[in-house]
C-alpha atoms as a PDB file:
ATOM      1  CA  HIS A   1    -215.096-163.707 -82.946  1.00  0.00           C
ATOM      2  CA  TYR A   2    -214.707-166.377 -85.629  1.00  0.00           C
ATOM      3  CA  LYS A   3    -211.386-164.959 -86.903  1.00  0.00           C
ATOM      4  CA  SER A   4    -209.758-164.757 -83.474  1.00  0.00           C
ATOM      5  CA  ASP A   5    -207.440-167.376 -82.058  1.00  0.00           C
ATOM      6  CA  TYR A   6    -208.987-170.394 -80.433  1.00  0.00           C
ATOM      7  CA  SER A   7    -208.481-171.321 -76.817  1.00  0.00           C
ATOM      8  CA  VAL A   8    -206.882-174.762 -76.958  1.00  0.00           C
ATOM      9  CA  MET A   9    -206.090-177.203 -74.191  1.00  0.00           C
ATOM     10  CA  ARG A  10    -204.330-180.503 -74.843  1.00  0.00           C
ATOM     11  CA  ILE A  11    -203.983-183.228 -72.221  1.00  0.00           C
ATOM     12  CA  PHE A  12    -200.962-185.532 -72.376  1.00  0.00           C
ATOM     13  CA  ASP A  13    -200.411-188.961 -70.866  1.00  0.00           C
ATOM     14  CA  ARG A  14    -196.722-189.652 -70.196  1.00  0.00           C
ATOM     15  CA  LEU A  15    -197.154-193.315 -69.256  1.00  0.00           C
ATOM     16  CA  PRO A  16    -196.066-194.538 -72.742  1.00  0.00           C
ATOM     17  CA  MET A  17    -192.723-192.789 -72.138  1.00  0.00           C
ATOM     18  CA  MET A  18    -191.969-195.373 -69.434  1.00  0.00           C
ATOM     19  CA  LEU A  19    -192.177-198.045 -72.136  1.00  0.00           C
ATOM     20  CA  GLY A  20    -189.893-196.215 -74.583  1.00  0.00           C
ATOM     21  CA  GLY A  21    -192.591-194.369 -76.497  1.00  0.00           C
ATOM     22  CA  GLY A  22    -193.582-190.750 -76.629  1.00  0.00           C
ATOM     23  CA  PRO A  23    -196.366-188.997 -74.766  1.00  0.00           C
ATOM     24  CA  ASP A  24    -199.929-189.489 -75.980  1.00  0.00           C
ATOM     25  CA  CYS A  25    -202.445-186.694 -76.320  1.00  0.00           C
ATOM     26  CA  ILE A  26    -205.578-188.038 -74.681  1.00  0.00           C
ATOM     27  CA  GLY A  27    -207.828-185.001 -74.873  1.00  0.00           C
ATOM     28  CA  THR A  28    -208.338-181.696 -76.635  1.00  0.00           C
ATOM     29  CA  TYR A  29    -210.555-178.692 -76.049  1.00  0.00           C
ATOM     30  CA  ARG A  30    -210.747-176.136 -78.871  1.00  0.00           C
ATOM     31  CA  GLY A  31    -213.194-173.286 -78.730  1.00  0.00           C
ATOM     32  CA  HIS A  32    -213.738-169.631 -77.975  1.00  0.00           C
ATOM     33  CA  MET A  33    -213.821-168.708 -74.314  1.00  0.00           C
ATOM     34  CA  ASP A  34    -212.889-165.613 -72.320  1.00  0.00           C
ATOM     35  CA  GLN A  35    -209.244-165.919 -71.249  1.00  0.00           C
ATOM     36  CA  ASP A  36    -209.982-165.836 -67.516  1.00  0.00           C
ATOM     37  CA  LEU A  37    -212.715-168.482 -67.749  1.00  0.00           C
ATOM     38  CA  PHE A  38    -210.482-170.638 -69.931  1.00  0.00           C
ATOM     39  CA  ALA A  39    -207.666-170.499 -67.360  1.00  0.00           C
ATOM     40  CA  TRP A  40    -210.030-171.591 -64.573  1.00  0.00           C
ATOM     41  CA  TYR A  41    -211.478-174.331 -66.803  1.00  0.00           C
ATOM     42  CA  CYS A  42    -207.965-175.631 -67.538  1.00  0.00           C
ATOM     43  CA  ALA A  43    -207.154-175.674 -63.814  1.00  0.00           C
ATOM     44  CA  MET A  44    -210.276-177.734 -63.118  1.00  0.00           C
ATOM     45  CA  VAL A  45    -209.383-180.222 -65.854  1.00  0.00           C
ATOM     46  CA  ALA A  46    -205.762-180.415 -64.640  1.00  0.00           C
ATOM     47  CA  ARG A  47    -206.970-181.215 -61.125  1.00  0.00           C
ATOM     48  CA  HIS A  48    -209.142-183.999 -62.572  1.00  0.00           C
ATOM     49  CA  TYR A  49    -206.053-185.450 -64.258  1.00  0.00           C
ATOM     50  CA  ASN A  50    -204.162-186.106 -61.016  1.00  0.00           C
ATOM     51  CA  ASN A  51    -203.074-182.485 -60.493  1.00  0.00           C
ATOM     52  CA  ALA A  52    -201.332-182.343 -63.854  1.00  0.00           C
ATOM     53  CA  LEU A  53    -198.894-179.568 -64.674  1.00  0.00           C
ATOM     54  CA  LEU A  54    -200.940-176.650 -66.010  1.00  0.00           C
ATOM     55  CA  ILE A  55    -199.168-174.668 -68.714  1.00  0.00           C
ATOM     56  CA  ILE A  56    -200.917-171.532 -69.908  1.00  0.00           C
ATOM     57  CA  GLU A  57    -199.527-169.660 -72.906  1.00  0.00           C
ATOM     58  CA  ILE A  58    -199.739-166.142 -71.515  1.00  0.00           C
ATOM     59  CA  ASN A  59    -198.932-163.993 -74.514  1.00  0.00           C
ATOM     60  CA  LEU A  60    -202.105-164.865 -76.437  1.00  0.00           C
ATOM     61  CA  ALA A  61    -204.032-162.386 -74.337  1.00  0.00           C
ATOM     62  CA  ASN A  62    -201.617-159.604 -75.183  1.00  0.00           C
ATOM     63  CA  LYS A  63    -202.584-159.727 -78.868  1.00  0.00           C
ATOM     64  CA  GLU A  64    -206.210-158.883 -78.305  1.00  0.00           C
ATOM     65  CA  LYS A  65    -206.152-155.813 -76.081  1.00  0.00           C
ATOM     66  CA  GLU A  66    -203.447-153.789 -74.432  1.00  0.00           C
ATOM     67  CA  THR A  67    -205.086-154.153 -71.011  1.00  0.00           C
ATOM     68  CA  GLU A  68    -206.167-157.788 -71.295  1.00  0.00           C
ATOM     69  CA  GLY A  69    -202.593-159.065 -70.882  1.00  0.00           C
ATOM     70  CA  GLU A  70    -202.212-157.590 -67.386  1.00  0.00           C
ATOM     71  CA  HIS A  71    -205.657-158.866 -66.359  1.00  0.00           C
ATOM     72  CA  PHE A  72    -204.846-162.352 -67.610  1.00  0.00           C
ATOM     73  CA  LEU A  73    -201.628-162.468 -65.562  1.00  0.00           C
ATOM     74  CA  THR A  74    -203.585-161.593 -62.433  1.00  0.00           C
ATOM     75  CA  ILE A  75    -205.896-164.551 -63.128  1.00  0.00           C
ATOM     76  CA  LEU A  76    -202.898-166.900 -62.903  1.00  0.00           C
ATOM     77  CA  ASP A  77    -201.938-165.259 -59.611  1.00  0.00           C
ATOM     78  CA  GLU A  78    -205.474-165.956 -58.351  1.00  0.00           C
ATOM     79  CA  ILE A  79    -205.524-169.527 -59.629  1.00  0.00           C
ATOM     80  CA  LYS A  80    -202.266-170.385 -57.851  1.00  0.00           C
ATOM     81  CA  ASP A  81    -204.071-169.965 -54.519  1.00  0.00           C
ATOM     82  CA  TYR A  82    -206.406-172.835 -55.537  1.00  0.00           C
ATOM     83  CA  TYR A  83    -204.219-174.832 -57.899  1.00  0.00           C
ATOM     84  CA  ASP A  84    -200.480-174.716 -57.391  1.00  0.00           C
ATOM     85  CA  ASN A  85    -199.102-176.976 -60.131  1.00  0.00           C
ATOM     86  CA  ILE A  86    -198.771-174.143 -62.660  1.00  0.00           C
ATOM     87  CA  TYR A  87    -195.833-173.809 -65.035  1.00  0.00           C
ATOM     88  CA  ALA A  88    -193.596-170.925 -64.009  1.00  0.00           C
ATOM     89  CA  ARG A  89    -190.640-169.596 -65.921  1.00  0.00           C
ATOM     90  CA  TYR A  90    -187.586-168.658 -63.951  1.00  0.00           C
ATOM     91  CA  VAL A  91    -185.198-165.987 -65.056  1.00  0.00           C
ATOM     92  CA  PRO A  92    -181.946-166.112 -63.040  1.00  0.00           C
ATOM     93  CA  GLU A  93    -181.836-162.328 -62.727  1.00  0.00           C
ATOM     94  CA  ASP A  94    -185.424-162.270 -61.441  1.00  0.00           C
ATOM     95  CA  VAL A  95    -184.649-164.840 -58.751  1.00  0.00           C
ATOM     96  CA  ARG A  96    -181.548-162.889 -57.678  1.00  0.00           C
ATOM     97  CA  ASP A  97    -183.507-159.617 -57.617  1.00  0.00           C
ATOM     98  CA  LYS A  98    -186.439-161.316 -55.796  1.00  0.00           C
ATOM     99  CA  ILE A  99    -188.898-160.478 -58.573  1.00  0.00           C
ATOM    100  CA  PRO A 100    -192.143-162.451 -58.146  1.00  0.00           C
ATOM    101  CA  THR A 101    -192.643-165.737 -59.978  1.00  0.00           C
ATOM    102  CA  LYS A 102    -193.737-165.385 -63.591  1.00  0.00           C
ATOM    103  CA  TYR A 103    -196.479-167.884 -64.364  1.00  0.00           C
ATOM    104  CA  GLY A 104    -197.283-169.093 -67.857  1.00  0.00           C
ATOM    105  CA  PHE A 105    -195.357-170.064 -70.959  1.00  0.00           C
ATOM    106  CA  HIS A 106    -194.246-166.990 -72.880  1.00  0.00           C
ATOM    107  CA  THR A 107    -194.033-167.669 -76.592  1.00  0.00           C
ATOM    108  CA  ASN A 108    -191.512-165.500 -78.380  1.00  0.00           C
ATOM    109  CA  GLU A 109    -189.331-166.147 -81.435  1.00  0.00           C
ATOM    110  CA  ALA A 110    -186.824-168.231 -79.455  1.00  0.00           C
ATOM    111  CA  THR A 111    -189.301-170.332 -77.486  1.00  0.00           C
ATOM    112  CA  LYS A 112    -191.570-170.813 -80.501  1.00  0.00           C
ATOM    113  CA  THR A 113    -188.664-172.100 -82.576  1.00  0.00           C
ATOM    114  CA  MET A 114    -187.590-174.367 -79.705  1.00  0.00           C
ATOM    115  CA  VAL A 115    -190.977-176.035 -79.222  1.00  0.00           C
ATOM    116  CA  ILE A 116    -191.830-176.248 -82.938  1.00  0.00           C
ATOM    117  CA  ASP A 117    -188.435-177.771 -83.800  1.00  0.00           C
ATOM    118  CA  GLY A 118    -188.927-180.475 -81.158  1.00  0.00           C
ATOM    119  CA  TYR A 119    -192.483-181.181 -82.280  1.00  0.00           C
ATOM    120  CA  HIS A 120    -191.462-181.279 -85.951  1.00  0.00           C
ATOM    121  CA  ALA A 121    -188.612-183.723 -85.215  1.00  0.00           C
ATOM    122  CA  ALA A 122    -190.969-185.949 -83.206  1.00  0.00           C
ATOM    123  CA  LEU A 123    -193.519-186.041 -86.027  1.00  0.00           C
ATOM    124  CA  ARG A 124    -190.818-186.625 -88.645  1.00  0.00           C
ATOM    125  CA  ASP A 125    -189.136-189.411 -86.658  1.00  0.00           C
ATOM    126  CA  MET A 126    -192.445-191.026 -85.613  1.00  0.00           C
ATOM    127  CA  GLY A 127    -191.730-190.153 -81.982  1.00  0.00           C
ATOM    128  CA  TYR A 128    -195.188-188.658 -81.655  1.00  0.00           C
ATOM    129  CA  LEU A 129    -198.453-189.672 -83.235  1.00  0.00           C
ATOM    130  CA  ASP A 130    -201.494-187.418 -83.140  1.00  0.00           C
ATOM    131  CA  TYR A 131    -204.927-188.916 -83.599  1.00  0.00           C
ATOM    132  CA  ASP A 132    -206.744-185.569 -83.788  1.00  0.00           C
ATOM    133  CA  GLN A 133    -207.427-184.731 -87.427  1.00  0.00           C
ATOM    134  CA  ARG A 134    -207.654-181.028 -86.555  1.00  0.00           C
ATOM    135  CA  ALA A 135    -204.048-181.122 -85.319  1.00  0.00           C
ATOM    136  CA  MET A 136    -202.857-182.734 -88.538  1.00  0.00           C
ATOM    137  CA  ASP A 137    -204.849-180.250 -90.619  1.00  0.00           C
ATOM    138  CA  GLU A 138    -203.144-177.390 -88.783  1.00  0.00           C
ATOM    139  CA  CYS A 139    -199.724-179.030 -89.258  1.00  0.00           C
ATOM    140  CA  ALA A 140    -200.380-179.123 -93.006  1.00  0.00           C
ATOM    141  CA  MET A 141    -201.046-175.360 -92.952  1.00  0.00           C
ATOM    142  CA  PHE A 142    -198.036-174.399 -90.801  1.00  0.00           C
ATOM    143  CA  GLU A 143    -195.170-172.678 -92.560  1.00  0.00           C
ATOM    144  CA  VAL A 144    -191.956-170.728 -92.342  1.00  0.00           C
ATOM    145  CA  LYS A 145    -192.959-167.319 -93.642  1.00  0.00           C
ATOM    146  CA  LYS A 146    -190.892-165.057 -95.917  1.00  0.00           C
ATOM    147  CA  ASN A 147    -189.750-163.089 -92.862  1.00  0.00           C
ATOM    148  CA  ALA A 148    -188.515-166.416 -91.325  1.00  0.00           C
ATOM    149  CA  LYS A 149    -191.249-166.417 -88.669  1.00  0.00           C
ATOM    150  CA  LEU A 150    -193.255-169.558 -87.993  1.00  0.00           C
ATOM    151  CA  GLY A 151    -197.030-169.655 -88.181  1.00  0.00           C
ATOM    152  CA  ALA A 152    -200.168-170.665 -89.984  1.00  0.00           C
ATOM    153  CA  VAL A 153    -200.742-169.976 -93.644  1.00  0.00           C
ATOM    154  CA  GLU A 154    -202.829-166.815 -94.005  1.00  0.00           C
ATOM    155  CA  GLY A 155    -206.468-167.544 -93.205  1.00  0.00           C
ATOM    156  CA  HIS A 156    -205.698-170.640 -91.113  1.00  0.00           C
ATOM    157  CA  HIS A 157    -205.020-171.290 -87.429  1.00  0.00           C
ATOM    158  CA  ASP A 158    -202.076-172.778 -85.552  1.00  0.00           C
ATOM    159  CA  ASP A 159    -203.543-172.887 -82.053  1.00  0.00           C
ATOM    160  CA  ILE A 160    -203.598-176.692 -81.774  1.00  0.00           C
ATOM    161  CA  VAL A 161    -200.077-176.902 -83.229  1.00  0.00           C
ATOM    162  CA  MET A 162    -198.768-174.477 -80.621  1.00  0.00           C
ATOM    163  CA  ALA A 163    -200.579-176.153 -77.714  1.00  0.00           C
ATOM    164  CA  THR A 164    -199.242-179.517 -78.856  1.00  0.00           C
ATOM    165  CA  ALA A 165    -195.691-178.284 -79.370  1.00  0.00           C
ATOM    166  CA  ILE A 166    -195.606-176.696 -75.909  1.00  0.00           C
ATOM    167  CA  GLY A 167    -197.130-179.804 -74.322  1.00  0.00           C
ATOM    168  CA  TYR A 168    -194.739-182.139 -76.131  1.00  0.00           C
ATOM    169  CA  TRP A 169    -191.777-179.992 -75.055  1.00  0.00           C
ATOM    170  CA  ALA A 170    -192.966-180.063 -71.437  1.00  0.00           C
ATOM    171  CA  CYS A 171    -193.388-183.850 -71.515  1.00  0.00           C
ATOM    172  CA  THR A 172    -190.015-184.585 -73.084  1.00  0.00           C
ATOM    173  CA  SER A 173    -187.697-181.717 -72.133  1.00  0.00           C
ATOM    174  CA  TYR A 174    -189.057-179.829 -69.132  1.00  0.00           C
ATOM    175  CA  LEU A 175    -190.503-182.435 -66.782  1.00  0.00           C
ATOM    176  CA  PRO A 176    -188.366-185.190 -65.270  1.00  0.00           C
ATOM    177  CA  PRO A 177    -188.905-188.628 -66.819  1.00  0.00           C
ATOM    178  CA  PRO A 178    -192.038-190.333 -65.528  1.00  0.00           C
ATOM    179  CA  THR A 179    -191.407-192.954 -62.857  1.00  0.00           C
ATOM    180  CA  GLU A 180    -193.405-195.744 -61.316  1.00  0.00           C
ATOM    181  CA  TYR A 181    -194.479-195.334 -57.730  1.00  0.00           C
ATOM    182  CA  THR A 182    -196.571-197.360 -55.380  1.00  0.00           C
ATOM    183  CA  LEU A 183    -199.205-196.172 -52.999  1.00  0.00           C
ATOM    184  CA  GLY A 184    -198.726-197.320 -49.570  1.00  0.00           C
END
Protein backbone atom coordinates (compact mmCIF):
# COMPACT_ATOMS: atom_id res chain seq x y z
CA HIS A 1 0.00 0.00 0.00
CA TYR A 2 1.43 3.38 -0.99
CA LYS A 3 0.88 4.91 2.47
CA SER A 4 2.55 2.07 4.37
CA ASP A 5 6.13 2.11 5.55
CA TYR A 6 8.80 1.16 3.08
CA SER A 7 11.13 -1.77 3.52
CA VAL A 8 14.59 -0.22 3.56
CA MET A 9 18.00 -1.84 3.56
CA ARG A 10 21.20 0.18 3.75
CA ILE A 11 24.65 -1.32 3.22
CA PHE A 12 27.62 0.23 5.01
CA ASP A 13 31.32 0.02 4.27
CA ARG A 14 33.44 0.48 7.40
CA LEU A 15 36.80 0.63 5.62
CA PRO A 16 36.93 4.47 5.77
CA MET A 17 36.80 4.17 9.57
CA MET A 18 40.29 2.64 9.47
CA LEU A 19 41.52 5.90 7.93
CA GLY A 20 39.81 8.14 10.51
CA GLY A 21 36.58 8.71 8.62
CA GLY A 22 33.07 7.49 9.18
CA PRO A 23 31.30 4.58 7.55
CA ASP A 24 30.04 5.01 3.99
CA CYS A 25 26.64 3.88 2.81
CA ILE A 26 27.32 2.04 -0.43
CA GLY A 27 23.86 0.76 -1.26
CA THR A 28 20.18 1.25 -0.55
CA TYR A 29 17.05 -0.72 -1.28
CA ARG A 30 13.73 1.06 -0.70
CA GLY A 31 10.48 -0.52 -1.75
CA HIS A 32 7.42 -2.46 -0.69
CA MET A 33 7.97 -6.14 -0.03
CA ASP A 34 6.36 -8.70 2.27
CA GLN A 35 8.28 -8.74 5.57
CA ASP A 36 9.35 -12.38 5.30
CA LEU A 37 10.60 -12.01 1.71
CA PHE A 38 12.41 -8.81 2.65
CA ALA A 39 14.22 -10.56 5.52
CA TRP A 40 15.39 -13.36 3.20
CA TYR A 41 16.42 -10.80 0.56
CA CYS A 42 18.47 -8.90 3.15
CA ALA A 43 20.18 -12.13 4.23
CA MET A 44 21.14 -12.88 0.63
CA VAL A 45 22.57 -9.39 0.16
CA ALA A 46 24.44 -9.60 3.49
CA ARG A 47 26.02 -12.88 2.41
CA HIS A 48 27.13 -11.21 -0.83
CA TYR A 49 28.82 -8.48 1.22
CA ASN A 50 31.24 -10.83 2.99
CA ASN A 51 28.69 -12.16 5.50
CA ALA A 52 27.92 -8.69 6.81
CA LEU A 53 26.06 -8.20 10.07
CA LEU A 54 22.35 -8.34 9.26
CA ILE A 55 20.24 -6.03 11.41
CA ILE A 56 16.49 -6.30 10.98
CA GLU A 57 14.24 -3.78 12.71
CA ILE A 58 11.66 -6.18 14.08
CA ASN A 59 8.96 -3.88 15.40
CA LEU A 60 7.90 -2.59 11.97
CA ALA A 61 5.89 -5.74 11.43
CA ASN A 62 4.01 -5.23 14.67
CA LYS A 63 2.41 -2.02 13.38
CA GLU A 64 0.64 -3.66 10.49
CA LYS A 65 -1.16 -6.63 12.01
CA GLU A 66 -1.35 -8.13 15.45
CA THR A 67 -0.33 -11.56 14.15
CA GLU A 68 2.32 -10.45 11.66
CA GLY A 69 4.81 -9.60 14.43
CA GLU A 70 4.97 -13.18 15.72
CA HIS A 71 5.27 -14.55 12.17
CA PHE A 72 8.08 -12.15 11.37
CA LEU A 73 10.06 -13.24 14.44
CA THR A 74 9.80 -16.86 13.33
CA ILE A 75 11.29 -15.86 9.96
CA LEU A 76 14.43 -14.64 11.75
CA ASP A 77 14.57 -17.95 13.61
CA GLU A 78 14.42 -19.74 10.24
CA ILE A 79 17.01 -17.48 8.62
CA LYS A 80 19.53 -18.09 11.41
CA ASP A 81 19.79 -21.72 10.26
CA TYR A 82 21.08 -20.46 6.88
CA TYR A 83 22.67 -17.15 7.82
CA ASP A 84 24.05 -16.78 11.31
CA ASN A 85 25.45 -13.23 11.38
CA ILE A 86 22.18 -11.69 12.58
CA TYR A 87 22.02 -8.90 15.15
CA ALA A 88 20.69 -10.20 18.46
CA ARG A 89 19.85 -8.14 21.50
CA TYR A 90 20.83 -9.53 24.85
CA VAL A 91 18.94 -8.76 27.99
CA PRO A 92 20.93 -9.81 31.09
CA GLU A 93 17.82 -11.23 32.76
CA ASP A 94 17.01 -13.28 29.65
CA VAL A 95 20.50 -14.80 29.58
CA ARG A 96 20.28 -15.65 33.29
CA ASP A 97 16.81 -17.17 32.85
CA LYS A 98 17.95 -19.02 29.67
CA ILE A 99 15.34 -17.29 27.50
CA PRO A 100 16.08 -17.85 23.80
CA THR A 101 18.05 -15.28 21.83
CA LYS A 102 16.03 -12.31 20.62
CA TYR A 103 16.95 -11.48 17.04
CA GLY A 104 16.41 -8.08 15.48
CA PHE A 105 16.75 -4.47 16.53
CA HIS A 106 13.77 -3.37 18.60
CA THR A 107 13.05 0.31 18.15
CA ASN A 108 11.38 1.90 21.15
CA GLU A 109 11.55 5.43 22.56
CA ALA A 110 14.95 4.83 24.19
CA THR A 111 16.64 3.07 21.28
CA LYS A 112 15.15 5.46 18.73
CA THR A 113 16.48 8.45 20.64
CA MET A 114 19.88 6.75 20.98
CA VAL A 115 20.33 6.01 17.27
CA ILE A 116 18.83 9.31 16.04
CA ASP A 117 20.99 11.37 18.42
CA GLY A 118 24.14 9.64 17.14
CA TYR A 119 23.10 10.05 13.51
CA HIS A 120 22.17 13.70 14.04
CA ALA A 121 25.53 14.44 15.71
CA ALA A 122 27.39 12.71 12.86
CA LEU A 123 25.53 14.74 10.23
CA ARG A 124 25.99 17.97 12.19
CA ASP A 125 29.71 17.39 12.78
CA MET A 126 30.35 16.13 9.22
CA GLY A 127 31.20 12.68 10.58
CA TYR A 128 28.84 11.11 8.08
CA LEU A 129 28.00 12.11 4.54
CA ASP A 130 25.05 10.62 2.71
CA TYR A 131 24.98 10.69 -1.07
CA ASP A 132 21.40 9.41 -1.38
CA GLN A 133 19.09 12.35 -2.01
CA ARG A 134 16.14 10.37 -0.63
CA ALA A 135 17.93 10.10 2.73
CA MET A 136 18.53 13.85 2.84
CA ASP A 137 14.93 14.54 1.84
CA GLU A 138 13.73 12.38 4.73
CA CYS A 139 16.15 14.12 7.12
CA ALA A 140 14.61 17.45 6.12
CA MET A 141 11.15 16.10 7.05
CA PHE A 142 12.17 14.53 10.39
CA GLU A 143 11.02 16.31 13.52
CA VAL A 144 10.53 16.27 17.25
CA LYS A 145 6.76 16.19 17.59
CA LYS A 146 4.68 18.09 20.17
CA ASN A 147 4.51 14.94 22.30
CA ALA A 148 8.38 14.83 22.23
CA LYS A 149 8.43 11.73 20.00
CA LEU A 150 10.69 11.59 16.97
CA GLY A 151 9.40 10.91 13.48
CA ALA A 152 8.52 12.14 10.04
CA VAL A 153 6.36 15.17 9.44
CA GLU A 154 2.79 14.05 8.80
CA GLY A 155 2.46 12.67 5.27
CA HIS A 156 6.17 11.87 4.92
CA HIS A 157 8.34 8.83 5.63
CA ASP A 158 11.33 8.24 7.89
CA ASP A 159 12.23 4.70 6.85
CA ILE A 160 15.59 5.59 5.29
CA VAL A 161 16.44 7.83 8.26
CA MET A 162 15.78 4.99 10.69
CA ALA A 163 17.68 2.39 8.65
CA THR A 164 20.61 4.79 8.38
CA ALA A 165 20.58 5.72 12.06
CA ILE A 166 20.54 2.06 13.12
CA GLY A 167 23.28 1.19 10.63
CA TYR A 168 25.44 4.13 11.68
CA TRP A 169 25.01 3.18 15.34
CA ALA A 170 26.01 -0.41 14.59
CA CYS A 171 29.10 0.71 12.66
CA THR A 172 30.31 3.18 15.27
CA SER A 173 29.00 1.98 18.64
CA TYR A 174 28.02 -1.69 18.46
CA LEU A 175 30.64 -3.40 16.32
CA PRO A 176 34.31 -3.45 17.29
CA PRO A 177 36.51 -1.11 15.25
CA PRO A 178 37.38 -2.52 11.84
CA THR A 179 40.85 -4.03 11.61
CA GLU A 180 43.14 -5.08 8.82
CA TYR A 181 43.76 -8.76 8.36
CA THR A 182 45.66 -10.81 5.87
CA LEU A 183 44.61 -13.99 4.19
CA GLY A 184 47.04 -16.69 4.49
